[in-house]
Structure formats: C-alpha cells, structure tokens
Protein backbone atom coordinates (compact mmCIF):
# COMPACT_ATOMS: atom_id res chain seq x y z
CA MET A 1 0.00 0.00 0.00
CA PRO A 2 1.45 3.38 -0.93
CA SER A 3 1.70 5.42 2.25
CA GLN A 4 0.95 9.11 2.26
CA ARG A 5 -0.18 11.70 4.74
CA ILE A 6 -3.91 11.46 5.38
CA ASN A 7 -5.52 14.90 5.40
CA LEU A 8 -7.41 15.47 8.63
CA ASP A 9 -9.54 18.43 9.68
CA VAL A 10 -10.75 19.30 13.16
CA SER A 11 -14.55 19.36 12.98
CA PHE A 12 -15.35 19.69 16.70
CA ILE A 13 -13.43 20.58 19.83
CA THR A 14 -14.76 20.91 23.40
CA PHE A 15 -12.45 23.82 24.24
CA HIS A 16 -11.75 27.02 22.33
CA ASP A 17 -9.19 29.79 22.23
CA ASP A 18 -9.15 32.31 19.37
CA GLU A 19 -5.34 32.44 19.56
CA CYS A 20 -4.96 28.64 19.38
CA PRO A 21 -7.53 27.38 16.85
CA GLY A 22 -8.26 23.65 16.51
CA SER A 23 -6.59 23.64 13.09
CA ASN A 24 -3.24 23.97 14.92
CA ILE A 25 -3.49 20.24 15.65
CA THR A 26 -3.27 19.26 11.97
CA ASP A 27 -1.18 22.07 10.43
CA LYS A 28 2.20 20.21 10.35
CA ASN A 29 3.84 23.01 12.37
CA SER A 30 5.56 21.60 15.47
CA LYS A 31 5.37 24.99 17.23
CA THR A 32 1.58 25.41 17.07
CA PHE A 33 -0.80 23.72 19.50
CA VAL A 34 -4.11 23.92 21.31
CA VAL A 35 -4.54 24.08 25.08
CA THR A 36 -7.47 22.59 26.96
CA THR A 37 -9.54 24.98 29.02
CA GLY A 38 -9.18 23.06 32.26
CA GLY A 39 -11.29 20.24 33.53
CA TYR A 40 -11.47 16.81 31.99
CA PRO A 41 -12.51 15.02 29.85
CA GLN A 42 -11.90 17.05 26.70
CA GLU A 43 -12.60 15.89 23.13
CA VAL A 44 -11.40 16.56 19.60
CA LEU A 45 -13.20 15.15 16.57
CA LEU A 46 -11.11 14.82 13.41
CA VAL A 47 -12.49 13.90 9.98
CA THR A 48 -10.73 12.80 6.82
CA ARG A 49 -11.10 14.97 3.73
CA ALA A 50 -11.62 11.79 1.75
CA SER A 51 -14.77 9.72 2.13
CA SER A 52 -12.65 7.21 4.07
CA ALA A 53 -9.06 6.14 4.58
CA LYS A 54 -6.91 3.15 5.45
CA PHE A 55 -4.79 4.23 8.41
CA ALA A 56 -1.38 2.59 8.86
CA LYS A 57 0.07 4.94 11.50
CA ILE A 58 -1.24 7.67 13.79
CA THR A 59 1.19 9.94 15.63
CA MET A 60 0.04 12.24 18.42
CA VAL A 61 2.16 14.81 20.25
CA PHE A 62 0.95 16.10 23.62
CA GLU A 63 2.15 17.90 26.71
CA GLY A 64 0.66 17.26 30.13
CA VAL A 65 -1.71 14.47 29.06
CA LYS A 66 -2.02 11.62 31.54
CA ASP A 67 -4.78 9.40 30.13
CA PHE A 68 -6.37 9.41 26.68
CA VAL A 69 -8.58 7.29 24.44
CA LEU A 70 -8.48 7.34 20.64
CA GLU A 71 -11.58 6.08 18.86
CA LYS A 72 -12.54 5.58 15.23
CA CYS A 73 -15.78 5.70 13.31
CA ARG A 74 -16.01 3.86 10.03
CA VAL A 75 -17.97 4.92 6.99
CA ASN A 76 -21.74 4.39 7.39
CA GLU A 77 -21.50 3.79 11.13
CA THR A 78 -22.68 5.96 13.96
CA ALA A 79 -20.82 4.40 16.88
CA PHE A 80 -17.19 4.94 17.80
CA GLU A 81 -14.86 2.02 18.48
CA VAL A 82 -11.74 2.25 20.69
CA ILE A 83 -8.42 2.03 18.84
CA ALA A 84 -6.18 2.78 21.82
CA GLU A 85 -6.46 3.66 25.49
CA ARG A 86 -3.24 4.81 27.12
CA SER A 87 -1.74 6.23 30.30
CA LEU A 88 1.30 8.31 29.40
CA PRO A 89 4.28 9.08 31.61
CA MET A 90 4.94 12.76 32.21
CA GLY A 91 7.30 14.27 29.66
CA ASP A 92 10.89 14.28 30.89
CA GLY A 93 12.09 17.61 29.51
CA LYS A 94 12.49 20.92 31.31
CA GLU A 95 9.36 22.86 32.28
CA GLY A 96 7.54 23.85 29.10
CA LYS A 97 9.37 21.20 27.05
CA GLN A 98 7.75 18.03 28.28
CA ARG A 99 6.28 16.73 25.05
CA GLN A 100 4.87 13.25 24.88
CA THR A 101 4.76 11.38 21.57
CA GLU A 102 2.50 8.40 21.07
CA VAL A 103 2.74 6.39 17.82
CA LEU A 104 0.10 3.82 16.93
CA ASP A 105 0.82 1.31 14.16
CA LEU A 106 -2.40 -0.03 12.65
CA ASP A 107 -3.14 -2.78 10.16
CA PRO A 108 -4.71 -0.82 7.27
CA GLU A 109 -6.69 -3.89 6.20
CA SER A 110 -8.35 -4.49 9.58
CA VAL A 111 -8.23 -1.99 12.48
CA GLY A 112 -7.23 0.92 10.22
CA LYS A 113 -9.63 0.17 7.36
CA ASP A 114 -12.40 2.50 6.14
CA ILE A 115 -12.02 5.13 8.86
CA ARG A 116 -13.92 8.37 8.36
CA MET A 117 -13.54 10.02 11.80
CA LEU A 118 -11.23 9.93 14.82
CA ARG A 119 -12.27 11.05 18.29
CA LEU A 120 -9.49 11.90 20.73
CA ARG A 121 -10.67 12.01 24.34
CA ILE A 122 -8.27 13.39 26.93
CA LEU A 123 -9.47 11.83 30.17
CA SER A 124 -6.95 13.38 32.57
CA GLY A 125 -3.81 15.46 32.69
CA TYR A 126 -0.84 16.06 34.96
CA LYS A 127 -1.97 19.66 35.45
CA ASP A 128 -5.18 21.63 34.99
CA PHE A 129 -4.36 22.21 31.33
CA ALA A 130 -2.96 19.92 28.63
CA ALA A 131 -1.67 20.74 25.15
CA ILE A 132 -2.12 18.92 21.86
CA PHE A 133 0.62 19.79 19.37
CA ASN A 134 -0.15 17.40 16.55
CA VAL A 135 -2.27 14.53 15.32
CA ASP A 136 -0.89 13.11 12.10
CA ALA A 137 -1.84 10.02 10.12
CA ILE A 138 -0.16 7.96 7.42
CA GLY A 139 -2.00 5.60 5.11
CA GLU A 140 -4.09 5.68 1.98
CA GLU A 141 -7.06 7.94 1.33
CA SER A 142 -10.06 6.92 -0.74
CA GLU A 143 -10.07 8.66 -4.11
CA GLN A 144 -13.59 9.85 -3.39
CA GLN A 145 -13.33 13.23 -1.68
CA MET A 146 -16.00 14.73 0.54
CA VAL A 147 -17.64 17.90 -0.68
CA VAL A 148 -18.99 20.31 1.88
CA LEU A 149 -21.67 22.64 0.65
CA GLU A 150 -22.28 25.78 2.59
CA SER A 151 -25.90 26.63 3.18
CA ARG A 152 -26.93 30.23 3.60
CA PRO A 153 -30.69 30.26 3.98
CA GLU A 154 -32.41 33.58 3.54
CA VAL A 155 -35.10 34.74 5.88
CA ASN A 156 -37.87 36.86 4.40
CA LEU A 157 -40.07 38.75 6.81
C-alpha cells in the first residue's frame, strides 16, 4: 500500500481559544498547538477529507496528558470504536518542554480500514491544562473526496 499523509480536519473541539484554533493540531507546524480549558474530559473530533481512509500509523504529540482514548468511526457507522487507550508518563524535559509522543501502528486492512472520523478524548492530565501539538496520520485515502456545501438560507419577513 502506498503510504501518504492522510488529510485530517478538526470538525469539533470541546475547548476554544481564538489564539490557538483547533486547526493547529493538523497544520504540520511543530510549534503550534491547542490548550485545553481546564477540567477533563476534553474531546477533539477529526475527519478525513476523503470519504474514508486506510490508516497505517497515527502519531500524536501532547504535553501534560495523563490518560487518553483514541476512537474511530467507520464509513456508514454511527458508533465509535476504541483504537487505543493509554496512560502516558509525564514528559521528561524541562518545564515547558515536556512533550509526549504516542505512535500507533495499525493494520490498514483491519483496524485501520475505512475510517472516516477519529475522536481523541483526553481523560486526565498532569496539570489543569494539557496541550495537543499534533495529530498526524499515514495511510491511503479513498479517491472519493467529501464535498462540503455551505448553506446560507435567507429569511424573508
């Protein structure tokens, strides 16, 4: 299977900061990030730009995350299924440089097959706030791309 970067977009996030938009998670820039607003759990929903994808590897970079769950939703399904549930050790760098990297290798013909959405749930952190620097995926996208139409209904009084 030819491996390429799977294009992901953040479609929902349970915390918000105008200076750290959710798109920072998928922008390929190692210096951008999002910070949770305190309190757990927190969630991020990521969708593929293609109608589905075969995921071979998912890499996530955090800071201050203690426990997380990564779930997938396949095409034509409404329920999420757990891919991984982990407890991470605290990063070992100096204060402010304690990044944690978690790499998941998936079989693209079974666990990683036909994924449309990923849901990252941060269950707990080492501090009140946690940071997500990156969620990146390698695999093969379906050739069928999703088209999003913007609706602007008019209201006549």
